[in-house]
C-alpha atoms as a PDB file:
ATOM      1  CA  MET A   1       0.000   0.000   0.000  1.00  0.00           C
ATOM      2  CA  PRO A   2       1.066   3.606  -0.326  1.00  0.00           C
ATOM      3  CA  LYS A   3       3.747   5.451   1.532  1.00  0.00           C
ATOM      4  CA  GLU A   4       3.454   9.190   1.158  1.00  0.00           C
ATOM      5  CA  ILE A   5       4.631  12.405   2.730  1.00  0.00           C
ATOM      6  CA  GLU A   6       1.840  14.399   4.357  1.00  0.00           C
ATOM      7  CA  ILE A   7       2.218  18.182   4.367  1.00  0.00           C
ATOM      8  CA  GLU A   8      -0.627  19.879   6.142  1.00  0.00           C
ATOM      9  CA  PHE A   9      -1.341  23.099   7.966  1.00  0.00           C
ATOM     10  CA  LYS A  10      -3.841  23.139  10.825  1.00  0.00           C
ATOM     11  CA  ASN A  11      -5.633  25.764  12.861  1.00  0.00           C
ATOM     12  CA  MET A  12      -8.100  25.341  15.708  1.00  0.00           C
ATOM     13  CA  LEU A  13     -11.490  26.986  15.239  1.00  0.00           C
ATOM     14  CA  THR A  14     -14.242  28.098  17.544  1.00  0.00           C
ATOM     15  CA  LYS A  15     -17.658  26.529  16.968  1.00  0.00           C
ATOM     16  CA  SER A  16     -18.831  29.865  15.546  1.00  0.00           C
ATOM     17  CA  GLU A  17     -15.897  30.093  13.097  1.00  0.00           C
ATOM     18  CA  TYR A  18     -16.525  26.503  12.008  1.00  0.00           C
ATOM     19  CA  GLU A  19     -20.189  27.255  11.322  1.00  0.00           C
ATOM     20  CA  GLN A  20     -19.293  30.475   9.466  1.00  0.00           C
ATOM     21  CA  LEU A  21     -16.890  28.572   7.189  1.00  0.00           C
ATOM     22  CA  LEU A  22     -19.515  25.910   6.453  1.00  0.00           C
ATOM     23  CA  SER A  23     -21.968  28.655   5.538  1.00  0.00           C
ATOM     24  CA  PHE A  24     -19.441  30.577   3.421  1.00  0.00           C
ATOM     25  CA  PHE A  25     -18.632  27.463   1.357  1.00  0.00           C
ATOM     26  CA  ASN A  26     -22.317  26.385   1.208  1.00  0.00           C
ATOM     27  CA  PHE A  27     -22.052  23.231   3.323  1.00  0.00           C
ATOM     28  CA  THR A  28     -24.257  21.955   6.122  1.00  0.00           C
ATOM     29  CA  ARG A  29     -23.269  19.757   9.069  1.00  0.00           C
ATOM     30  CA  GLU A  30     -25.392  16.984   7.560  1.00  0.00           C
ATOM     31  CA  GLU A  31     -23.038  16.800   4.569  1.00  0.00           C
ATOM     32  CA  ALA A  32     -20.088  15.841   6.769  1.00  0.00           C
ATOM     33  CA  ILE A  33     -18.673  12.346   6.419  1.00  0.00           C
ATOM     34  CA  THR A  34     -18.253  10.601   9.772  1.00  0.00           C
ATOM     35  CA  GLN A  35     -15.107   8.617  10.381  1.00  0.00           C
ATOM     36  CA  GLN A  36     -13.757   6.863  13.447  1.00  0.00           C
ATOM     37  CA  ASN A  37     -10.099   6.674  14.400  1.00  0.00           C
ATOM     38  CA  LEU A  38      -9.084   3.904  16.794  1.00  0.00           C
ATOM     39  CA  TYR A  39      -5.687   4.774  18.281  1.00  0.00           C
ATOM     40  CA  PHE A  40      -3.042   2.303  19.419  1.00  0.00           C
ATOM     41  CA  ASP A  41       0.224   2.399  21.352  1.00  0.00           C
ATOM     42  CA  THR A  42       2.174   0.176  23.717  1.00  0.00           C
ATOM     43  CA  ALA A  43       1.758   0.349  27.495  1.00  0.00           C
ATOM     44  CA  GLU A  44       5.094   2.214  27.530  1.00  0.00           C
ATOM     45  CA  PHE A  45       3.916   4.608  24.784  1.00  0.00           C
ATOM     46  CA  GLN A  46       6.774   3.634  22.452  1.00  0.00           C
ATOM     47  CA  LEU A  47       5.055   5.184  19.425  1.00  0.00           C
ATOM     48  CA  LYS A  48       4.453   8.462  21.235  1.00  0.00           C
ATOM     49  CA  GLU A  49       8.154   8.507  22.207  1.00  0.00           C
ATOM     50  CA  MET A  50       9.023   8.126  18.497  1.00  0.00           C
ATOM     51  CA  GLU A  51       6.615  11.015  17.710  1.00  0.00           C
ATOM     52  CA  SER A  52       4.563   8.488  15.748  1.00  0.00           C
ATOM     53  CA  ALA A  53       0.882   7.574  15.745  1.00  0.00           C
ATOM     54  CA  LEU A  54      -0.946   4.390  14.765  1.00  0.00           C
ATOM     55  CA  ARG A  55      -4.629   4.270  13.949  1.00  0.00           C
ATOM     56  CA  ILE A  56      -7.318   2.233  12.270  1.00  0.00           C
ATOM     57  CA  ARG A  57      -9.711   4.514  10.417  1.00  0.00           C
ATOM     58  CA  GLN A  58     -13.253   3.464   9.552  1.00  0.00           C
ATOM     59  CA  LYS A  59     -14.985   5.600   6.946  1.00  0.00           C
ATOM     60  CA  ASP A  60     -18.208   4.188   5.539  1.00  0.00           C
ATOM     61  CA  ASN A  61     -17.378   0.516   4.938  1.00  0.00           C
ATOM     62  CA  HIS A  62     -13.688   1.160   4.285  1.00  0.00           C
ATOM     63  CA  TYR A  63     -11.003   0.385   6.864  1.00  0.00           C
ATOM     64  CA  GLU A  64      -7.330   1.271   6.808  1.00  0.00           C
ATOM     65  CA  CYS A  65      -4.410   1.109   9.184  1.00  0.00           C
ATOM     66  CA  THR A  66      -2.063   4.104   9.061  1.00  0.00           C
ATOM     67  CA  LEU A  67       1.202   4.781  10.834  1.00  0.00           C
ATOM     68  CA  LYS A  68       2.377   8.397  10.819  1.00  0.00           C
ATOM     69  CA  THR A  69       6.011   9.058  11.650  1.00  0.00           C
ATOM     70  CA  PRO A  70       8.342  12.065  11.307  1.00  0.00           C
ATOM     71  CA  ALA A  71       9.895  12.798   7.905  1.00  0.00           C
ATOM     72  CA  PRO A  72      12.317  15.567   6.893  1.00  0.00           C
ATOM     73  CA  GLU A  73       9.360  17.643   5.657  1.00  0.00           C
ATOM     74  CA  GLY A  74       5.968  16.695   7.051  1.00  0.00           C
ATOM     75  CA  LYS A  75       5.039  13.170   8.112  1.00  0.00           C
ATOM     76  CA  LEU A  76       5.602   9.821   6.439  1.00  0.00           C
ATOM     77  CA  GLU A  77       2.310   7.934   6.226  1.00  0.00           C
ATOM     78  CA  ILE A  78       2.352   4.161   5.778  1.00  0.00           C
ATOM     79  CA  THR A  79      -1.115   2.777   5.049  1.00  0.00           C
ATOM     80  CA  ASP A  80      -2.569  -0.712   4.626  1.00  0.00           C
ATOM     81  CA  SER A  81      -6.176  -1.376   3.578  1.00  0.00           C
ATOM     82  CA  LEU A  82      -8.100  -3.736   5.852  1.00  0.00           C
ATOM     83  CA  THR A  83     -11.337  -5.693   5.734  1.00  0.00           C
ATOM     84  CA  ALA A  84     -13.878  -5.165   8.518  1.00  0.00           C
ATOM     85  CA  LEU A  85     -12.864  -8.519  10.041  1.00  0.00           C
ATOM     86  CA  GLN A  86      -9.151  -7.651   9.897  1.00  0.00           C
ATOM     87  CA  ALA A  87      -9.825  -4.292  11.584  1.00  0.00           C
ATOM     88  CA  LYS A  88     -11.847  -6.015  14.324  1.00  0.00           C
ATOM     89  CA  GLU A  89      -9.174  -8.663  14.927  1.00  0.00           C
ATOM     90  CA  MET A  90      -6.464  -6.027  14.956  1.00  0.00           C
ATOM     91  CA  SER A  91      -8.344  -3.856  17.471  1.00  0.00           C
ATOM     92  CA  GLU A  92      -8.781  -6.927  19.698  1.00  0.00           C
ATOM     93  CA  GLY A  93      -5.081  -7.856  19.459  1.00  0.00           C
ATOM     94  CA  ILE A  94      -5.816 -11.154  17.692  1.00  0.00           C
ATOM     95  CA  SER A  95      -3.751 -10.482  14.562  1.00  0.00           C
ATOM     96  CA  PHE A  96      -1.944  -7.683  12.730  1.00  0.00           C
ATOM     97  CA  PRO A  97      -2.723  -7.943   8.996  1.00  0.00           C
ATOM     98  CA  ALA A  98      -1.303  -4.482   8.175  1.00  0.00           C
ATOM     99  CA  THR A  99       1.889  -5.856   6.608  1.00  0.00           C
ATOM    100  CA  GLU A 100       3.534  -2.586   5.501  1.00  0.00           C
ATOM    101  CA  VAL A 101       2.886  -0.957   8.870  1.00  0.00           C
ATOM    102  CA  ASN A 102       4.085  -4.069  10.711  1.00  0.00           C
ATOM    103  CA  ALA A 103       7.331  -4.148   8.694  1.00  0.00           C
ATOM    104  CA  PHE A 104       8.059  -0.572   9.777  1.00  0.00           C
ATOM    105  CA  LEU A 105       7.173  -1.325  13.414  1.00  0.00           C
ATOM    106  CA  GLU A 106       9.496  -4.340  13.406  1.00  0.00           C
ATOM    107  CA  GLU A 107      12.327  -2.176  12.009  1.00  0.00           C
ATOM    108  CA  LYS A 108      11.817   0.138  14.999  1.00  0.00           C
ATOM    109  CA  GLY A 109      11.691  -2.724  17.508  1.00  0.00           C
ATOM    110  CA  VAL A 110       7.958  -2.549  18.229  1.00  0.00           C
ATOM    111  CA  ASN A 111       6.157  -5.911  18.437  1.00  0.00           C
ATOM    112  CA  TRP A 112       2.503  -5.682  17.349  1.00  0.00           C
ATOM    113  CA  ARG A 113       1.511  -7.979  20.216  1.00  0.00           C
ATOM    114  CA  THR A 114       2.439  -5.184  22.664  1.00  0.00           C
ATOM    115  CA  LEU A 115       0.025  -2.706  21.049  1.00  0.00           C
ATOM    116  CA  ARG A 116      -3.223  -1.851  22.803  1.00  0.00           C
ATOM    117  CA  HIS A 117      -6.279   0.149  21.806  1.00  0.00           C
ATOM    118  CA  ILE A 118      -6.082   3.408  23.766  1.00  0.00           C
ATOM    119  CA  GLY A 119      -9.303   5.002  22.568  1.00  0.00           C
ATOM    120  CA  THR A 120     -11.518   6.244  19.762  1.00  0.00           C
ATOM    121  CA  LEU A 121     -11.970   9.683  18.213  1.00  0.00           C
ATOM    122  CA  THR A 122     -14.943  10.415  15.941  1.00  0.00           C
ATOM    123  CA  THR A 123     -14.581  13.112  13.283  1.00  0.00           C
ATOM    124  CA  HIS A 124     -17.291  14.696  11.149  1.00  0.00           C
ATOM    125  CA  ARG A 125     -15.367  15.871   8.073  1.00  0.00           C
ATOM    126  CA  ILE A 126     -16.056  18.100   5.097  1.00  0.00           C
ATOM    127  CA  GLU A 127     -13.275  18.271   2.514  1.00  0.00           C
ATOM    128  CA  PHE A 128     -12.915  19.796  -0.922  1.00  0.00           C
ATOM    129  CA  GLU A 129     -10.280  21.027  -3.350  1.00  0.00           C
ATOM    130  CA  TYR A 130      -9.193  24.584  -2.678  1.00  0.00           C
ATOM    131  CA  GLN A 131      -6.482  26.505  -4.513  1.00  0.00           C
ATOM    132  CA  GLN A 132      -3.544  24.080  -4.763  1.00  0.00           C
ATOM    133  CA  GLY A 133      -4.608  21.610  -2.091  1.00  0.00           C
ATOM    134  CA  LEU A 134      -7.360  19.989  -0.065  1.00  0.00           C
ATOM    135  CA  LEU A 135      -9.255  22.086   2.488  1.00  0.00           C
ATOM    136  CA  VAL A 136     -10.749  20.168   5.417  1.00  0.00           C
ATOM    137  CA  PHE A 137     -13.223  21.255   8.096  1.00  0.00           C
ATOM    138  CA  ASP A 138     -13.294  18.844  11.054  1.00  0.00           C
ATOM    139  CA  HIS A 139     -15.559  18.567  14.087  1.00  0.00           C
ATOM    140  CA  SER A 140     -14.060  15.942  16.430  1.00  0.00           C
ATOM    141  CA  GLU A 141     -15.520  14.215  19.485  1.00  0.00           C
ATOM    142  CA  TYR A 142     -13.486  12.221  22.010  1.00  0.00           C
ATOM    143  CA  LEU A 143     -13.533  11.406  25.716  1.00  0.00           C
ATOM    144  CA  GLY A 144     -16.453  13.759  26.384  1.00  0.00           C
ATOM    145  CA  LYS A 145     -14.779  16.649  24.549  1.00  0.00           C
ATOM    146  CA  GLU A 146     -15.309  18.215  21.141  1.00  0.00           C
ATOM    147  CA  ASP A 147     -13.268  20.583  19.018  1.00  0.00           C
ATOM    148  CA  TYR A 148     -13.172  22.184  15.591  1.00  0.00           C
ATOM    149  CA  GLU A 149     -10.295  22.699  13.172  1.00  0.00           C
ATOM    150  CA  VAL A 150      -9.407  23.559   9.614  1.00  0.00           C
ATOM    151  CA  GLU A 151      -6.664  21.654   7.771  1.00  0.00           C
ATOM    152  CA  TYR A 152      -5.031  22.398   4.452  1.00  0.00           C
ATOM    153  CA  GLU A 153      -3.233  19.463   2.792  1.00  0.00           C
ATOM    154  CA  VAL A 154      -0.726  20.346   0.074  1.00  0.00           C
ATOM    155  CA  THR A 155       2.231  19.002  -1.873  1.00  0.00           C
ATOM    156  CA  ASP A 156       4.279  22.235  -1.760  1.00  0.00           C
ATOM    157  CA  ALA A 157       5.021  23.381   1.802  1.00  0.00           C
ATOM    158  CA  ALA A 158       6.013  26.985   1.016  1.00  0.00           C
ATOM    159  CA  ALA A 159       3.059  27.724  -1.278  1.00  0.00           C
ATOM    160  CA  GLY A 160       0.707  25.864   1.059  1.00  0.00           C
ATOM    161  CA  ARG A 161       1.772  27.896   4.092  1.00  0.00           C
ATOM    162  CA  ARG A 162       1.249  31.157   2.199  1.00  0.00           C
ATOM    163  CA  LEU A 163      -2.193  30.124   0.885  1.00  0.00           C
ATOM    164  CA  PHE A 164      -3.297  28.853   4.298  1.00  0.00           C
ATOM    165  CA  LEU A 165      -2.312  32.061   6.083  1.00  0.00           C
ATOM    166  CA  GLU A 166      -4.111  34.075   3.385  1.00  0.00           C
ATOM    167  CA  PHE A 167      -7.195  31.883   3.881  1.00  0.00           C
ATOM    168  CA  LEU A 168      -7.192  32.508   7.651  1.00  0.00           C
ATOM    169  CA  GLN A 169      -6.741  36.233   7.132  1.00  0.00           C
ATOM    170  CA  GLN A 170      -9.525  36.378   4.515  1.00  0.00           C
ATOM    171  CA  HIS A 171     -11.937  34.768   6.993  1.00  0.00           C
ATOM    172  CA  ASN A 172     -10.746  36.796  10.020  1.00  0.00           C
ATOM    173  CA  ILE A 173      -9.578  33.693  11.866  1.00  0.00           C
ATOM    174  CA  PRO A 174      -6.661  34.178  14.269  1.00  0.00           C
ATOM    175  CA  VAL A 175      -3.713  31.817  13.937  1.00  0.00           C
ATOM    176  CA  ARG A 176      -4.053  29.214  16.696  1.00  0.00           C
ATOM    177  CA  GLN A 177      -1.881  26.249  17.570  1.00  0.00           C
ATOM    178  CA  ALA A 178      -3.454  22.984  16.438  1.00  0.00           C
ATOM    179  CA  ASP A 179      -1.866  19.787  17.682  1.00  0.00           C
ATOM    180  CA  LYS A 180      -2.495  16.569  15.772  1.00  0.00           C
ATOM    181  CA  LYS A 181      -5.726  14.809  16.708  1.00  0.00           C
ATOM    182  CA  ILE A 182      -3.802  12.014  18.426  1.00  0.00           C
ATOM    183  CA  ALA A 183      -1.950  14.594  20.562  1.00  0.00           C
ATOM    184  CA  ARG A 184      -5.213  16.274  21.584  1.00  0.00           C
ATOM    185  CA  PHE A 185      -6.719  12.872  22.308  1.00  0.00           C
ATOM    186  CA  MET A 186      -3.713  11.805  24.419  1.00  0.00           C
ATOM    187  CA  LYS A 187      -3.744  15.079  26.368  1.00  0.00           C
ATOM    188  CA  ALA A 188      -7.435  14.548  27.179  1.00  0.00           C
ATOM    189  CA  ALA A 189      -6.798  10.897  28.107  1.00  0.00           C
ATOM    190  CA  GLU A 190      -3.914  11.827  30.423  1.00  0.00           C
ATOM    191  CA  ALA A 191      -5.997  14.608  32.032  1.00  0.00           C
ATOM    192  CA  GLY A 192      -8.771  12.099  32.700  1.00  0.00           C
ATOM    193  CA  GLN A 193      -6.530   9.661  34.575  1.00  0.00           C
END
């Protein structure tokens, strides 16, 4: 399955800003596609220590396992497609059919049998082509929390940064730090312990 470099820019939104953007681009909340991310790590949080994240994503009837890990520019994404049964068995620790992801984990000394499901994040996503990339509006729910963000996925980091900052300025949205979803999820999980 594919290995690709992900270059994206993110910004947290207020609920009001999120709703204003949906209205501006003529979308409704009902048009959002719902996807679930099941996150995994070892009891010792080996993946977190490597600044990596492992998830199974369910979107409609499609399942995929993705490992994100640092790359010189952006993140390297390694993705394997899964069947519903494979995703279920993987989430239960029965098997690990994501062969490309597993090969990378083995290279890094992580045994799939030590992985555990640490939680689920549900995202309601609207995405569309915008300028030279993909613009994404996300409403995420996890551990009794919810948040809103805009993402801009591009292939050219310099042009993407410029276009994203122009987009924020055009819509009067202040620049706000936006951690990755897994980081926000982990922060909420640690706060709840």
